[in-house]
């Protein structure tokens, strides 16, 4: 059975004068899935989201939501809703009136729009704060209100622009779980822009990694982490070493890199180096190495592995790996683009 695409981008391009921020990208996002657009600031992810929302014009290409081409339609006619990074709540309106605002603009009677707003406030566990003003709420509470307001028009796609960036680390983890729960319960498509690898890995069914206005790699979190295809992917996702041997460049996860003392016999490929730093990370010990050829690599060891060898700064070591666990990397030649999109 073919999965219906909730969203399809066809050769989508955005130019700001001579700068190409989004460069002819093609993407299909299945209905009812959670997709994260991931990448560094300036990679084109926010420009892409704003074009989907209708808040940014398209230079060329098409945006298809369900069966409809919405490229030239205004935001209200796209069956999408956007939750902004700043939350953009009206400071002079109560929580319930903020949530109900879109229905008021559509001419829905006060009793009816408040009834719908209360249902959504209950969904995000904010019903007790209906009469408060936004300034009387914490950052996490404001986020919940903004989420309820975005959902009140019953969109088929919810667009989230760095929704967790303003929260402290503890609240960010809590709200991350809440977003995933809501997406499962509502069954609608979420498209979430972030520059946080951990955030994308935890939330997404599909991760779309962007670089220089193009899609560098897309797939499930496990697929991207375990099988990076380019050096950019391996380095941005983290947890990998990029090693060149002869004409081949590959990535190997740092928890799959094995260390040996100088002079010990090794089986398989290896690279020599000097330990530059040892960091205790609680559940593991990270050993950083300045390898021959100028490569900076690291090995993630269990406490028992580290204690058995007790590597120290300045020590000569030999790093080895299983070739079957290495991912060959392709070279990408395009340069990094500086886009006028807001910093991630």
C-alpha atoms as a PDB file:
ATOM      1  CA  UNK A   1       0.000   0.000   0.000  1.00  0.00           C
ATOM      2  CA  UNK A   2       1.347   3.428  -0.968  1.00  0.00           C
ATOM      3  CA  UNK A   3       1.580   5.944   1.871  1.00  0.00           C
ATOM      4  CA  UNK A   4      -0.118   9.236   1.087  1.00  0.00           C
ATOM      5  CA  UNK A   5       2.193  12.227   1.325  1.00  0.00           C
ATOM      6  CA  UNK A   6       0.814  14.913   3.633  1.00  0.00           C
ATOM      7  CA  UNK A   7       3.366  17.252   2.123  1.00  0.00           C
ATOM      8  CA  UNK A   8       5.408  17.195  -1.053  1.00  0.00           C
ATOM      9  CA  UNK A   9       8.039  19.753  -2.033  1.00  0.00           C
ATOM     10  CA  UNK A  10       8.986  19.741  -5.707  1.00  0.00           C
ATOM     11  CA  UNK A  11      12.202  21.500  -6.766  1.00  0.00           C
ATOM     12  CA  UNK A  12      11.502  24.080  -4.045  1.00  0.00           C
ATOM     13  CA  UNK A  13      13.853  27.060  -4.246  1.00  0.00           C
ATOM     14  CA  UNK A  14      14.215  30.290  -2.292  1.00  0.00           C
ATOM     15  CA  UNK A  15      16.534  33.103  -3.348  1.00  0.00           C
ATOM     16  CA  UNK A  16      17.298  36.335  -1.531  1.00  0.00           C
ATOM     17  CA  UNK A  17      18.895  38.447  -4.240  1.00  0.00           C
ATOM     18  CA  UNK A  18      22.068  36.619  -5.263  1.00  0.00           C
ATOM     19  CA  UNK A  19      21.885  34.240  -2.274  1.00  0.00           C
ATOM     20  CA  UNK A  20      20.223  30.844  -2.757  1.00  0.00           C
ATOM     21  CA  UNK A  21      18.904  29.836   0.676  1.00  0.00           C
ATOM     22  CA  UNK A  22      16.973  26.757  -0.465  1.00  0.00           C
ATOM     23  CA  UNK A  23      18.273  25.037  -3.576  1.00  0.00           C
ATOM     24  CA  UNK A  24      15.784  22.896  -5.557  1.00  0.00           C
ATOM     25  CA  UNK A  25      14.878  20.467  -2.779  1.00  0.00           C
ATOM     26  CA  UNK A  26      12.510  17.518  -3.247  1.00  0.00           C
ATOM     27  CA  UNK A  27      10.814  15.988  -0.222  1.00  0.00           C
ATOM     28  CA  UNK A  28       7.806  13.806   0.580  1.00  0.00           C
ATOM     29  CA  UNK A  29       6.532  13.635   4.157  1.00  0.00           C
ATOM     30  CA  UNK A  30       3.951  10.901   4.914  1.00  0.00           C
ATOM     31  CA  UNK A  31       0.636  11.843   6.495  1.00  0.00           C
ATOM     32  CA  UNK A  32       0.533  11.463  10.268  1.00  0.00           C
ATOM     33  CA  UNK A  33       4.307  11.420  10.730  1.00  0.00           C
ATOM     34  CA  UNK A  34       6.729  13.519  12.778  1.00  0.00           C
ATOM     35  CA  UNK A  35       9.431  15.102  10.612  1.00  0.00           C
ATOM     36  CA  UNK A  36      12.349  17.181  11.866  1.00  0.00           C
ATOM     37  CA  UNK A  37      14.197  19.568   9.576  1.00  0.00           C
ATOM     38  CA  UNK A  38      17.658  19.529  11.127  1.00  0.00           C
ATOM     39  CA  UNK A  39      20.782  21.521  10.408  1.00  0.00           C
ATOM     40  CA  UNK A  40      23.024  24.429  11.407  1.00  0.00           C
ATOM     41  CA  UNK A  41      21.986  28.059  11.243  1.00  0.00           C
ATOM     42  CA  UNK A  42      21.812  29.251   7.643  1.00  0.00           C
ATOM     43  CA  UNK A  43      21.217  25.814   6.119  1.00  0.00           C
ATOM     44  CA  UNK A  44      17.757  26.735   4.775  1.00  0.00           C
ATOM     45  CA  UNK A  45      15.511  24.855   7.209  1.00  0.00           C
ATOM     46  CA  UNK A  46      13.607  27.887   8.541  1.00  0.00           C
ATOM     47  CA  UNK A  47      13.213  29.352   5.059  1.00  0.00           C
ATOM     48  CA  UNK A  48      11.744  26.009   3.986  1.00  0.00           C
ATOM     49  CA  UNK A  49       9.296  25.990   6.908  1.00  0.00           C
ATOM     50  CA  UNK A  50       8.214  29.559   6.240  1.00  0.00           C
ATOM     51  CA  UNK A  51       7.575  28.767   2.562  1.00  0.00           C
ATOM     52  CA  UNK A  52       5.425  25.787   3.576  1.00  0.00           C
ATOM     53  CA  UNK A  53       3.475  28.068   5.932  1.00  0.00           C
ATOM     54  CA  UNK A  54       3.016  30.742   3.280  1.00  0.00           C
ATOM     55  CA  UNK A  55       4.954  33.360   5.250  1.00  0.00           C
ATOM     56  CA  UNK A  56       7.738  33.407   2.657  1.00  0.00           C
ATOM     57  CA  UNK A  57       7.265  33.539  -1.112  1.00  0.00           C
ATOM     58  CA  UNK A  58       8.603  30.738  -3.305  1.00  0.00           C
ATOM     59  CA  UNK A  59      11.243  31.644  -5.911  1.00  0.00           C
ATOM     60  CA  UNK A  60      10.499  28.481  -7.902  1.00  0.00           C
ATOM     61  CA  UNK A  61       9.070  25.015  -7.364  1.00  0.00           C
ATOM     62  CA  UNK A  62       5.866  23.725  -5.807  1.00  0.00           C
ATOM     63  CA  UNK A  63       4.363  23.008  -2.384  1.00  0.00           C
ATOM     64  CA  UNK A  64       1.673  20.319  -2.375  1.00  0.00           C
ATOM     65  CA  UNK A  65      -0.409  19.706   0.768  1.00  0.00           C
ATOM     66  CA  UNK A  66      -2.493  16.557   0.396  1.00  0.00           C
ATOM     67  CA  UNK A  67      -3.911  16.685  -3.149  1.00  0.00           C
ATOM     68  CA  UNK A  68      -3.683  20.488  -3.489  1.00  0.00           C
ATOM     69  CA  UNK A  69      -0.926  22.680  -4.857  1.00  0.00           C
ATOM     70  CA  UNK A  70      -0.798  25.531  -2.321  1.00  0.00           C
ATOM     71  CA  UNK A  71       2.315  27.298  -3.625  1.00  0.00           C
ATOM     72  CA  UNK A  72       0.525  30.586  -4.280  1.00  0.00           C
ATOM     73  CA  UNK A  73      -2.216  30.333  -1.651  1.00  0.00           C
ATOM     74  CA  UNK A  74      -2.299  32.509   1.495  1.00  0.00           C
ATOM     75  CA  UNK A  75      -1.486  30.886   4.866  1.00  0.00           C
ATOM     76  CA  UNK A  76      -5.149  30.525   5.870  1.00  0.00           C
ATOM     77  CA  UNK A  77      -5.880  28.363   2.809  1.00  0.00           C
ATOM     78  CA  UNK A  78      -3.106  25.783   3.229  1.00  0.00           C
ATOM     79  CA  UNK A  79      -4.495  23.517   5.987  1.00  0.00           C
ATOM     80  CA  UNK A  80      -1.320  24.279   7.951  1.00  0.00           C
ATOM     81  CA  UNK A  81      -0.729  26.107  11.228  1.00  0.00           C
ATOM     82  CA  UNK A  82       2.538  27.505  12.523  1.00  0.00           C
ATOM     83  CA  UNK A  83       3.825  27.710  16.075  1.00  0.00           C
ATOM     84  CA  UNK A  84       6.450  30.440  16.147  1.00  0.00           C
ATOM     85  CA  UNK A  85       9.735  30.338  18.038  1.00  0.00           C
ATOM     86  CA  UNK A  86       8.752  33.433  20.059  1.00  0.00           C
ATOM     87  CA  UNK A  87       5.225  31.989  20.691  1.00  0.00           C
ATOM     88  CA  UNK A  88       3.838  35.416  19.553  1.00  0.00           C
ATOM     89  CA  UNK A  89       1.005  35.484  22.111  1.00  0.00           C
ATOM     90  CA  UNK A  90      -1.079  38.655  22.363  1.00  0.00           C
ATOM     91  CA  UNK A  91      -0.074  40.202  25.725  1.00  0.00           C
ATOM     92  CA  UNK A  92      -3.411  42.001  26.244  1.00  0.00           C
ATOM     93  CA  UNK A  93      -5.580  38.906  25.682  1.00  0.00           C
ATOM     94  CA  UNK A  94      -6.335  36.180  28.198  1.00  0.00           C
ATOM     95  CA  UNK A  95      -5.126  32.642  27.573  1.00  0.00           C
ATOM     96  CA  UNK A  96      -8.531  31.497  26.345  1.00  0.00           C
ATOM     97  CA  UNK A  97      -8.889  34.480  24.009  1.00  0.00           C
ATOM     98  CA  UNK A  98      -5.389  33.887  22.635  1.00  0.00           C
ATOM     99  CA  UNK A  99      -6.288  30.289  21.821  1.00  0.00           C
ATOM    100  CA  UNK A 100      -9.671  31.269  20.348  1.00  0.00           C
ATOM    101  CA  UNK A 101      -8.350  34.203  18.304  1.00  0.00           C
ATOM    102  CA  UNK A 102      -8.329  32.463  14.901  1.00  0.00           C
ATOM    103  CA  UNK A 103     -11.943  31.407  15.346  1.00  0.00           C
ATOM    104  CA  UNK A 104     -12.886  34.974  16.272  1.00  0.00           C
ATOM    105  CA  UNK A 105     -11.354  36.129  12.983  1.00  0.00           C
ATOM    106  CA  UNK A 106     -13.551  33.584  11.222  1.00  0.00           C
ATOM    107  CA  UNK A 107     -16.670  35.031  12.850  1.00  0.00           C
ATOM    108  CA  UNK A 108     -17.347  32.152  15.258  1.00  0.00           C
ATOM    109  CA  UNK A 109     -19.536  33.192  18.180  1.00  0.00           C
ATOM    110  CA  UNK A 110     -17.821  33.739  21.535  1.00  0.00           C
ATOM    111  CA  UNK A 111     -19.485  30.811  23.336  1.00  0.00           C
ATOM    112  CA  UNK A 112     -18.615  28.389  20.539  1.00  0.00           C
ATOM    113  CA  UNK A 113     -15.010  29.526  20.125  1.00  0.00           C
ATOM    114  CA  UNK A 114     -14.425  29.461  23.896  1.00  0.00           C
ATOM    115  CA  UNK A 115     -15.824  25.934  24.046  1.00  0.00           C
ATOM    116  CA  UNK A 116     -13.305  24.817  21.395  1.00  0.00           C
ATOM    117  CA  UNK A 117     -10.499  26.701  23.144  1.00  0.00           C
ATOM    118  CA  UNK A 118     -11.279  24.974  26.452  1.00  0.00           C
ATOM    119  CA  UNK A 119     -11.010  21.559  24.786  1.00  0.00           C
ATOM    120  CA  UNK A 120      -7.551  22.397  23.520  1.00  0.00           C
ATOM    121  CA  UNK A 121      -6.447  23.938  26.817  1.00  0.00           C
ATOM    122  CA  UNK A 122      -7.443  20.681  28.460  1.00  0.00           C
ATOM    123  CA  UNK A 123      -5.437  18.768  25.861  1.00  0.00           C
ATOM    124  CA  UNK A 124      -2.288  20.711  26.807  1.00  0.00           C
ATOM    125  CA  UNK A 125      -3.157  20.718  30.530  1.00  0.00           C
ATOM    126  CA  UNK A 126      -3.675  24.487  30.724  1.00  0.00           C
ATOM    127  CA  UNK A 127      -7.401  24.689  31.476  1.00  0.00           C
ATOM    128  CA  UNK A 128      -6.741  26.119  34.967  1.00  0.00           C
ATOM    129  CA  UNK A 129      -4.990  29.152  33.429  1.00  0.00           C
ATOM    130  CA  UNK A 130      -7.692  30.202  30.960  1.00  0.00           C
ATOM    131  CA  UNK A 131      -8.227  33.645  32.523  1.00  0.00           C
ATOM    132  CA  UNK A 132      -4.554  34.579  32.930  1.00  0.00           C
ATOM    133  CA  UNK A 133      -2.532  36.887  30.704  1.00  0.00           C
ATOM    134  CA  UNK A 134       0.593  35.551  28.920  1.00  0.00           C
ATOM    135  CA  UNK A 135       2.968  37.525  31.175  1.00  0.00           C
ATOM    136  CA  UNK A 136       1.535  35.652  34.156  1.00  0.00           C
ATOM    137  CA  UNK A 137       2.741  32.347  32.706  1.00  0.00           C
ATOM    138  CA  UNK A 138       6.098  30.560  32.676  1.00  0.00           C
ATOM    139  CA  UNK A 139       7.902  29.876  29.425  1.00  0.00           C
ATOM    140  CA  UNK A 140       6.677  26.286  29.334  1.00  0.00           C
ATOM    141  CA  UNK A 141       3.091  27.396  29.987  1.00  0.00           C
ATOM    142  CA  UNK A 142       3.295  29.997  27.221  1.00  0.00           C
ATOM    143  CA  UNK A 143       4.487  27.286  24.871  1.00  0.00           C
ATOM    144  CA  UNK A 144       1.482  25.115  25.690  1.00  0.00           C
ATOM    145  CA  UNK A 145      -0.869  28.030  25.010  1.00  0.00           C
ATOM    146  CA  UNK A 146       0.851  28.740  21.688  1.00  0.00           C
ATOM    147  CA  UNK A 147       0.500  25.074  20.769  1.00  0.00           C
ATOM    148  CA  UNK A 148      -3.226  25.084  21.601  1.00  0.00           C
ATOM    149  CA  UNK A 149      -3.707  28.262  19.547  1.00  0.00           C
ATOM    150  CA  UNK A 150      -1.983  26.678  16.540  1.00  0.00           C
ATOM    151  CA  UNK A 151      -4.212  23.602  16.771  1.00  0.00           C
ATOM    152  CA  UNK A 152      -7.584  25.351  17.018  1.00  0.00           C
ATOM    153  CA  UNK A 153      -8.021  25.610  13.242  1.00  0.00           C
ATOM    154  CA  UNK A 154      -7.700  21.789  12.959  1.00  0.00           C
ATOM    155  CA  UNK A 155      -4.728  21.850  10.562  1.00  0.00           C
ATOM    156  CA  UNK A 156      -3.574  18.745   8.732  1.00  0.00           C
ATOM    157  CA  UNK A 157       0.039  19.879   9.226  1.00  0.00           C
ATOM    158  CA  UNK A 158       1.489  21.638  12.276  1.00  0.00           C
ATOM    159  CA  UNK A 159       4.689  23.608  11.640  1.00  0.00           C
ATOM    160  CA  UNK A 160       6.970  24.194  14.624  1.00  0.00           C
ATOM    161  CA  UNK A 161       9.860  26.669  14.422  1.00  0.00           C
ATOM    162  CA  UNK A 162      12.454  25.836  17.114  1.00  0.00           C
ATOM    163  CA  UNK A 163       9.635  25.322  19.671  1.00  0.00           C
ATOM    164  CA  UNK A 164      11.926  24.185  22.511  1.00  0.00           C
ATOM    165  CA  UNK A 165      14.823  26.627  22.118  1.00  0.00           C
ATOM    166  CA  UNK A 166      13.635  29.121  24.757  1.00  0.00           C
ATOM    167  CA  UNK A 167      13.186  26.510  27.495  1.00  0.00           C
ATOM    168  CA  UNK A 168      15.655  25.405  30.155  1.00  0.00           C
ATOM    169  CA  UNK A 169      17.175  21.913  29.684  1.00  0.00           C
ATOM    170  CA  UNK A 170      14.872  20.147  32.175  1.00  0.00           C
ATOM    171  CA  UNK A 171      11.695  21.674  30.739  1.00  0.00           C
ATOM    172  CA  UNK A 172      12.921  21.044  27.211  1.00  0.00           C
ATOM    173  CA  UNK A 173      13.029  17.303  27.888  1.00  0.00           C
ATOM    174  CA  UNK A 174       9.567  17.365  29.436  1.00  0.00           C
ATOM    175  CA  UNK A 175       8.041  19.331  26.574  1.00  0.00           C
ATOM    176  CA  UNK A 176       9.774  17.115  24.034  1.00  0.00           C
ATOM    177  CA  UNK A 177       7.849  14.165  25.426  1.00  0.00           C
ATOM    178  CA  UNK A 178       4.640  16.218  25.397  1.00  0.00           C
ATOM    179  CA  UNK A 179       5.047  17.110  21.721  1.00  0.00           C
ATOM    180  CA  UNK A 180       5.521  13.468  20.786  1.00  0.00           C
ATOM    181  CA  UNK A 181       2.474  12.456  22.855  1.00  0.00           C
ATOM    182  CA  UNK A 182       0.298  15.117  21.242  1.00  0.00           C
ATOM    183  CA  UNK A 183       1.388  14.152  17.749  1.00  0.00           C
ATOM    184  CA  UNK A 184       0.470  10.516  18.412  1.00  0.00           C
ATOM    185  CA  UNK A 185      -2.899  11.440  19.936  1.00  0.00           C
ATOM    186  CA  UNK A 186      -3.877  13.952  17.253  1.00  0.00           C
ATOM    187  CA  UNK A 187      -2.596  11.868  14.349  1.00  0.00           C
ATOM    188  CA  UNK A 188      -1.622  14.908  12.281  1.00  0.00           C
ATOM    189  CA  UNK A 189       1.692  15.642  10.597  1.00  0.00           C
ATOM    190  CA  UNK A 190       4.248  17.628  12.607  1.00  0.00           C
ATOM    191  CA  UNK A 191       7.133  19.383  10.815  1.00  0.00           C
ATOM    192  CA  UNK A 192       9.609  20.631  13.396  1.00  0.00           C
ATOM    193  CA  UNK A 193      12.666  22.809  12.722  1.00  0.00           C
ATOM    194  CA  UNK A 194      15.612  22.353  15.070  1.00  0.00           C
ATOM    195  CA  UNK A 195      19.395  22.598  15.173  1.00  0.00           C
ATOM    196  CA  UNK A 196      19.520  20.067  18.055  1.00  0.00           C
ATOM    197  CA  UNK A 197      20.585  16.574  17.041  1.00  0.00           C
ATOM    198  CA  UNK A 198      19.291  14.993  20.266  1.00  0.00           C
ATOM    199  CA  UNK A 199      15.915  16.689  19.787  1.00  0.00           C
ATOM    200  CA  UNK A 200      15.545  15.419  16.231  1.00  0.00           C
ATOM    201  CA  UNK A 201      16.651  11.899  17.154  1.00  0.00           C
ATOM    202  CA  UNK A 202      14.187  11.699  20.044  1.00  0.00           C
ATOM    203  CA  UNK A 203      11.146  13.084  18.215  1.00  0.00           C
ATOM    204  CA  UNK A 204      11.277  12.319  14.523  1.00  0.00           C
ATOM    205  CA  UNK A 205       9.988   9.461  12.434  1.00  0.00           C
ATOM    206  CA  UNK A 206      11.962  11.108   9.613  1.00  0.00           C
ATOM    207  CA  UNK A 207      15.011  13.351   9.991  1.00  0.00           C
ATOM    208  CA  UNK A 208      15.797  15.669   7.062  1.00  0.00           C
ATOM    209  CA  UNK A 209      19.353  16.965   7.502  1.00  0.00           C
ATOM    210  CA  UNK A 210      19.977  20.160   5.544  1.00  0.00           C
ATOM    211  CA  UNK A 211      23.254  21.766   4.551  1.00  0.00           C
ATOM    212  CA  UNK A 212      23.880  24.793   2.331  1.00  0.00           C
ATOM    213  CA  UNK A 213      20.271  24.940   1.157  1.00  0.00           C
ATOM    214  CA  UNK A 214      20.097  21.293   0.130  1.00  0.00           C
ATOM    215  CA  UNK A 215      19.044  18.021   1.710  1.00  0.00           C
ATOM    216  CA  UNK A 216      22.239  16.297   2.809  1.00  0.00           C
ATOM    217  CA  UNK A 217      20.533  13.100   3.964  1.00  0.00           C
ATOM    218  CA  UNK A 218      17.096  11.959   5.090  1.00  0.00           C
ATOM    219  CA  UNK A 219      15.824   8.856   6.820  1.00  0.00           C
ATOM    220  CA  UNK A 220      14.875   7.458  10.203  1.00  0.00           C
ATOM    221  CA  UNK A 221      16.988   8.600  13.176  1.00  0.00           C
ATOM    222  CA  UNK A 222      18.588   5.174  13.455  1.00  0.00           C
ATOM    223  CA  UNK A 223      19.346   5.044   9.746  1.00  0.00           C
ATOM    224  CA  UNK A 224      21.028   8.442   9.733  1.00  0.00           C
ATOM    225  CA  UNK A 225      23.003   7.771  12.907  1.00  0.00           C
ATOM    226  CA  UNK A 226      24.147   4.289  11.942  1.00  0.00           C
ATOM    227  CA  UNK A 227      24.706   4.939   8.230  1.00  0.00           C
ATOM    228  CA  UNK A 228      25.847   8.518   7.546  1.00  0.00           C
ATOM    229  CA  UNK A 229      26.522   8.994   3.845  1.00  0.00           C
ATOM    230  CA  UNK A 230      28.671  12.134   3.906  1.00  0.00           C
ATOM    231  CA  UNK A 231      31.323  13.656   6.112  1.00  0.00           C
ATOM    232  CA  UNK A 232      28.963  16.520   6.965  1.00  0.00           C
ATOM    233  CA  UNK A 233      26.310  14.092   8.213  1.00  0.00           C
ATOM    234  CA  UNK A 234      28.784  12.107  10.310  1.00  0.00           C
ATOM    235  CA  UNK A 235      30.230  15.227  11.927  1.00  0.00           C
ATOM    236  CA  UNK A 236      26.944  17.085  12.459  1.00  0.00           C
ATOM    237  CA  UNK A 237      25.059  14.132  13.924  1.00  0.00           C
ATOM    238  CA  UNK A 238      28.005  13.506  16.257  1.00  0.00           C
ATOM    239  CA  UNK A 239      29.274  10.351  17.901  1.00  0.00           C
ATOM    240  CA  UNK A 240      31.358   9.434  14.834  1.00  0.00           C
ATOM    241  CA  UNK A 241      34.971   9.545  13.774  1.00  0.00           C
ATOM    242  CA  UNK A 242      35.797  10.478  10.190  1.00  0.00           C
ATOM    243  CA  UNK A 243      38.930   8.618   9.108  1.00  0.00           C
ATOM    244  CA  UNK A 244      40.750   8.595   5.762  1.00  0.00           C
ATOM    245  CA  UNK A 245      42.775   5.545   4.800  1.00  0.00           C
ATOM    246  CA  UNK A 246      44.327   5.677   1.330  1.00  0.00           C
ATOM    247  CA  UNK A 247      41.668   6.886  -1.123  1.00  0.00           C
ATOM    248  CA  UNK A 248      38.777   5.935   1.144  1.00  0.00           C
ATOM    249  CA  UNK A 249      37.069   8.115   3.740  1.00  0.00           C
ATOM    250  CA  UNK A 250      34.646   6.488   6.179  1.00  0.00           C
ATOM    251  CA  UNK A 251      32.845   7.067   9.469  1.00  0.00           C
ATOM    252  CA  UNK A 252      33.039   4.805  12.492  1.00  0.00           C
ATOM    253  CA  UNK A 253      31.022   5.377  15.649  1.00  0.00           C
ATOM    254  CA  UNK A 254      33.203   6.336  18.607  1.00  0.00           C
ATOM    255  CA  UNK A 255      31.696   3.549  20.717  1.00  0.00           C
ATOM    256  CA  UNK A 256      32.944   1.093  18.070  1.00  0.00           C
ATOM    257  CA  UNK A 257      36.510   2.384  18.041  1.00  0.00           C
ATOM    258  CA  UNK A 258      38.817   0.118  20.065  1.00  0.00           C
ATOM    259  CA  UNK A 259      42.030   1.283  21.733  1.00  0.00           C
ATOM    260  CA  UNK A 260      45.255  -0.610  22.304  1.00  0.00           C
ATOM    261  CA  UNK A 261      48.461   0.259  24.076  1.00  0.00           C
ATOM    262  CA  UNK A 262      51.454   1.025  21.896  1.00  0.00           C
ATOM    263  CA  UNK A 263      53.223  -2.206  20.929  1.00  0.00           C
ATOM    264  CA  UNK A 264      50.187  -4.457  21.428  1.00  0.00           C
ATOM    265  CA  UNK A 265      49.251  -6.721  18.532  1.00  0.00           C
ATOM    266  CA  UNK A 266      46.083  -5.682  16.689  1.00  0.00           C
ATOM    267  CA  UNK A 267      43.856  -7.511  14.253  1.00  0.00           C
ATOM    268  CA  UNK A 268      42.515  -5.434  11.360  1.00  0.00           C
ATOM    269  CA  UNK A 269      42.967  -1.803  10.266  1.00  0.00           C
ATOM    270  CA  UNK A 270      44.469   0.666  12.713  1.00  0.00           C
ATOM    271  CA  UNK A 271      45.666   4.228  13.127  1.00  0.00           C
ATOM    272  CA  UNK A 272      48.259   5.492  15.608  1.00  0.00           C
ATOM    273  CA  UNK A 273      47.806   8.550  17.783  1.00  0.00           C
ATOM    274  CA  UNK A 274      48.410  10.339  21.076  1.00  0.00           C
ATOM    275  CA  UNK A 275      45.795  10.774  23.811  1.00  0.00           C
ATOM    276  CA  UNK A 276      44.987  14.498  24.159  1.00  0.00           C
ATOM    277  CA  UNK A 277      42.120  14.411  26.670  1.00  0.00           C
ATOM    278  CA  UNK A 278      40.210  12.021  28.914  1.00  0.00           C
ATOM    279  CA  UNK A 279      36.661  12.975  29.956  1.00  0.00           C
ATOM    280  CA  UNK A 280      34.501  11.065  32.431  1.00  0.00           C
ATOM    281  CA  UNK A 281      30.889  11.258  31.203  1.00  0.00           C
ATOM    282  CA  UNK A 282      29.145   9.199  33.889  1.00  0.00           C
ATOM    283  CA  UNK A 283      27.997   6.242  31.803  1.00  0.00           C
ATOM    284  CA  UNK A 284      31.217   6.145  29.765  1.00  0.00           C
ATOM    285  CA  UNK A 285      34.711   7.613  29.432  1.00  0.00           C
ATOM    286  CA  UNK A 286      35.578   9.603  26.308  1.00  0.00           C
ATOM    287  CA  UNK A 287      39.210   9.333  25.199  1.00  0.00           C
ATOM    288  CA  UNK A 288      40.244  11.939  22.601  1.00  0.00           C
ATOM    289  CA  UNK A 289      43.168  11.258  20.315  1.00  0.00           C
ATOM    290  CA  UNK A 290      45.331  13.279  17.925  1.00  0.00           C
ATOM    291  CA  UNK A 291      45.834  10.652  15.219  1.00  0.00           C
ATOM    292  CA  UNK A 292      48.439  10.462  12.494  1.00  0.00           C
ATOM    293  CA  UNK A 293      47.625  12.567   9.463  1.00  0.00           C
ATOM    294  CA  UNK A 294      46.092  15.274  11.639  1.00  0.00           C
ATOM    295  CA  UNK A 295      42.779  13.503  12.309  1.00  0.00           C
ATOM    296  CA  UNK A 296      41.065  14.177  15.642  1.00  0.00           C
ATOM    297  CA  UNK A 297      39.240  11.054  16.768  1.00  0.00           C
ATOM    298  CA  UNK A 298      37.702   9.757  19.977  1.00  0.00           C
ATOM    299  CA  UNK A 299      36.823   6.450  21.583  1.00  0.00           C
ATOM    300  CA  UNK A 300      33.879   5.921  23.925  1.00  0.00           C
ATOM    301  CA  UNK A 301      34.865   3.320  26.508  1.00  0.00           C
ATOM    302  CA  UNK A 302      32.912   1.724  29.309  1.00  0.00           C
ATOM    303  CA  UNK A 303      34.272   2.360  32.790  1.00  0.00           C
ATOM    304  CA  UNK A 304      35.544  -1.218  32.999  1.00  0.00           C
ATOM    305  CA  UNK A 305      37.294  -0.917  29.619  1.00  0.00           C
ATOM    306  CA  UNK A 306      38.938   2.317  30.670  1.00  0.00           C
ATOM    307  CA  UNK A 307      39.920   1.049  34.114  1.00  0.00           C
ATOM    308  CA  UNK A 308      41.550  -2.022  32.585  1.00  0.00           C
ATOM    309  CA  UNK A 309      43.897   0.142  30.514  1.00  0.00           C
ATOM    310  CA  UNK A 310      43.852   3.506  32.367  1.00  0.00           C
ATOM    311  CA  UNK A 311      44.807   5.638  29.376  1.00  0.00           C
ATOM    312  CA  UNK A 312      46.401   8.986  30.198  1.00  0.00           C
ATOM    313  CA  UNK A 313      47.044  12.252  28.366  1.00  0.00           C
ATOM    314  CA  UNK A 314      50.210  12.049  26.243  1.00  0.00           C
ATOM    315  CA  UNK A 315      50.095   8.276  25.920  1.00  0.00           C
ATOM    316  CA  UNK A 316      50.699   6.670  22.503  1.00  0.00           C
ATOM    317  CA  UNK A 317      47.830   4.388  21.446  1.00  0.00           C
ATOM    318  CA  UNK A 318      46.639   2.411  18.467  1.00  0.00           C
ATOM    319  CA  UNK A 319      42.980   2.750  17.437  1.00  0.00           C
ATOM    320  CA  UNK A 320      41.352  -0.186  15.624  1.00  0.00           C
ATOM    321  CA  UNK A 321      37.901  -0.965  14.241  1.00  0.00           C
ATOM    322  CA  UNK A 322      35.828  -3.595  12.506  1.00  0.00           C
ATOM    323  CA  UNK A 323      35.631  -2.621   8.792  1.00  0.00           C
ATOM    324  CA  UNK A 324      32.145  -4.160   8.563  1.00  0.00           C
ATOM    325  CA  UNK A 325      30.870  -1.487  10.979  1.00  0.00           C
ATOM    326  CA  UNK A 326      32.333   1.459   9.062  1.00  0.00           C
ATOM    327  CA  UNK A 327      30.227   3.658   6.742  1.00  0.00           C
ATOM    328  CA  UNK A 328      31.916   4.773   3.472  1.00  0.00           C
ATOM    329  CA  UNK A 329      31.397   8.505   2.899  1.00  0.00           C
ATOM    330  CA  UNK A 330      30.667  10.437  -0.268  1.00  0.00           C
ATOM    331  CA  UNK A 331      32.144  13.876  -0.862  1.00  0.00           C
ATOM    332  CA  UNK A 332      29.761  16.821  -1.249  1.00  0.00           C
ATOM    333  CA  UNK A 333      31.194  19.802  -3.087  1.00  0.00           C
ATOM    334  CA  UNK A 334      28.723  22.622  -2.477  1.00  0.00           C
ATOM    335  CA  UNK A 335      29.785  25.478  -0.228  1.00  0.00           C
ATOM    336  CA  UNK A 336      28.022  26.597   2.914  1.00  0.00           C
ATOM    337  CA  UNK A 337      25.348  29.220   2.195  1.00  0.00           C
ATOM    338  CA  UNK A 338      24.693  32.153   4.467  1.00  0.00           C
ATOM    339  CA  UNK A 339      20.933  32.691   4.499  1.00  0.00           C
ATOM    340  CA  UNK A 340      18.969  35.633   5.880  1.00  0.00           C
ATOM    341  CA  UNK A 341      16.805  33.195   7.852  1.00  0.00           C
ATOM    342  CA  UNK A 342      16.938  33.883  11.564  1.00  0.00           C
ATOM    343  CA  UNK A 343      19.690  32.203  13.516  1.00  0.00           C
ATOM    344  CA  UNK A 344      18.839  28.756  14.833  1.00  0.00           C
END
